Amino acid sequence: MLQGGSFATINRWENGKTSLSRLARKQFEQFCEEKGIDPAEGGDNQ
């Protein structure tokens, strides 16, 4: 999981109720790159 991002925070990002800070966006992009995930695809882990 993205460090520093609680479930509720990530849920708000996904639902467009708030935006990622510059630092959080950078961490998210780095996480995705390390895991080979395309963040533009969205995805559903269920």
C-alpha atoms as a PDB file:
ATOM      1  CA  MET A   1       0.000   0.000   0.000  1.00  0.00           C
ATOM      2  CA  LEU A   2       1.048   3.563  -0.610  1.00  0.00           C
ATOM      3  CA  GLN A   3       2.645   4.721   2.604  1.00  0.00           C
ATOM      4  CA  GLY A   4       0.933   7.669   4.217  1.00  0.00           C
ATOM      5  CA  GLY A   5      -2.369   7.032   2.469  1.00  0.00           C
ATOM      6  CA  SER A   6      -5.195   5.650   4.562  1.00  0.00           C
ATOM      7  CA  PHE A   7      -8.094   3.784   2.980  1.00  0.00           C
ATOM      8  CA  ALA A   8     -10.346   6.819   3.469  1.00  0.00           C
ATOM      9  CA  THR A   9      -7.819   9.174   1.882  1.00  0.00           C
ATOM     10  CA  ILE A  10      -7.328   6.962  -1.159  1.00  0.00           C
ATOM     11  CA  ASN A  11     -11.100   6.559  -1.446  1.00  0.00           C
ATOM     12  CA  ARG A  12     -11.484  10.360  -1.581  1.00  0.00           C
ATOM     13  CA  TRP A  13      -8.822  10.536  -4.314  1.00  0.00           C
ATOM     14  CA  GLU A  14     -10.574   7.842  -6.343  1.00  0.00           C
ATOM     15  CA  ASN A  15     -13.961   9.534  -6.003  1.00  0.00           C
ATOM     16  CA  GLY A  16     -12.617  12.974  -6.956  1.00  0.00           C
ATOM     17  CA  LYS A  17     -13.479  14.518  -3.587  1.00  0.00           C
ATOM     18  CA  THR A  18      -9.877  15.688  -3.112  1.00  0.00           C
ATOM     19  CA  SER A  19      -6.631  15.616  -5.075  1.00  0.00           C
ATOM     20  CA  LEU A  20      -3.265  14.157  -4.319  1.00  0.00           C
ATOM     21  CA  SER A  21      -0.605  16.449  -2.987  1.00  0.00           C
ATOM     22  CA  ARG A  22       2.471  16.830  -5.157  1.00  0.00           C
ATOM     23  CA  LEU A  23       4.415  14.516  -2.803  1.00  0.00           C
ATOM     24  CA  ALA A  24       1.660  11.879  -2.730  1.00  0.00           C
ATOM     25  CA  ARG A  25       1.382  11.945  -6.535  1.00  0.00           C
ATOM     26  CA  LYS A  26       5.134  11.434  -6.871  1.00  0.00           C
ATOM     27  CA  GLN A  27       5.067   8.535  -4.392  1.00  0.00           C
ATOM     28  CA  PHE A  28       2.088   6.977  -6.163  1.00  0.00           C
ATOM     29  CA  GLU A  29       3.773   7.221  -9.563  1.00  0.00           C
ATOM     30  CA  GLN A  30       6.966   5.696  -8.153  1.00  0.00           C
ATOM     31  CA  PHE A  31       4.971   2.861  -6.545  1.00  0.00           C
ATOM     32  CA  CYS A  32       3.197   2.138  -9.827  1.00  0.00           C
ATOM     33  CA  GLU A  33       6.450   2.178 -11.767  1.00  0.00           C
ATOM     34  CA  GLU A  34       8.080  -0.260  -9.319  1.00  0.00           C
ATOM     35  CA  LYS A  35       5.092  -2.628  -9.557  1.00  0.00           C
ATOM     36  CA  GLY A  36       4.676  -2.327 -13.333  1.00  0.00           C
ATOM     37  CA  ILE A  37       1.234  -0.764 -12.976  1.00  0.00           C
ATOM     38  CA  ASP A  38      -0.181   1.776 -15.409  1.00  0.00           C
ATOM     39  CA  PRO A  39      -2.023   4.249 -13.146  1.00  0.00           C
ATOM     40  CA  ALA A  40      -4.035   5.522 -16.116  1.00  0.00           C
ATOM     41  CA  GLU A  41      -5.764   2.133 -16.403  1.00  0.00           C
ATOM     42  CA  GLY A  42      -7.432   2.485 -13.023  1.00  0.00           C
ATOM     43  CA  GLY A  43      -7.825  -1.177 -12.277  1.00  0.00           C
ATOM     44  CA  ASP A  44      -9.858  -3.244  -9.883  1.00  0.00           C
ATOM     45  CA  ASN A  45      -8.104  -5.584  -7.480  1.00  0.00           C
ATOM     46  CA  GLN A  46     -11.199  -7.612  -6.663  1.00  0.00           C
END
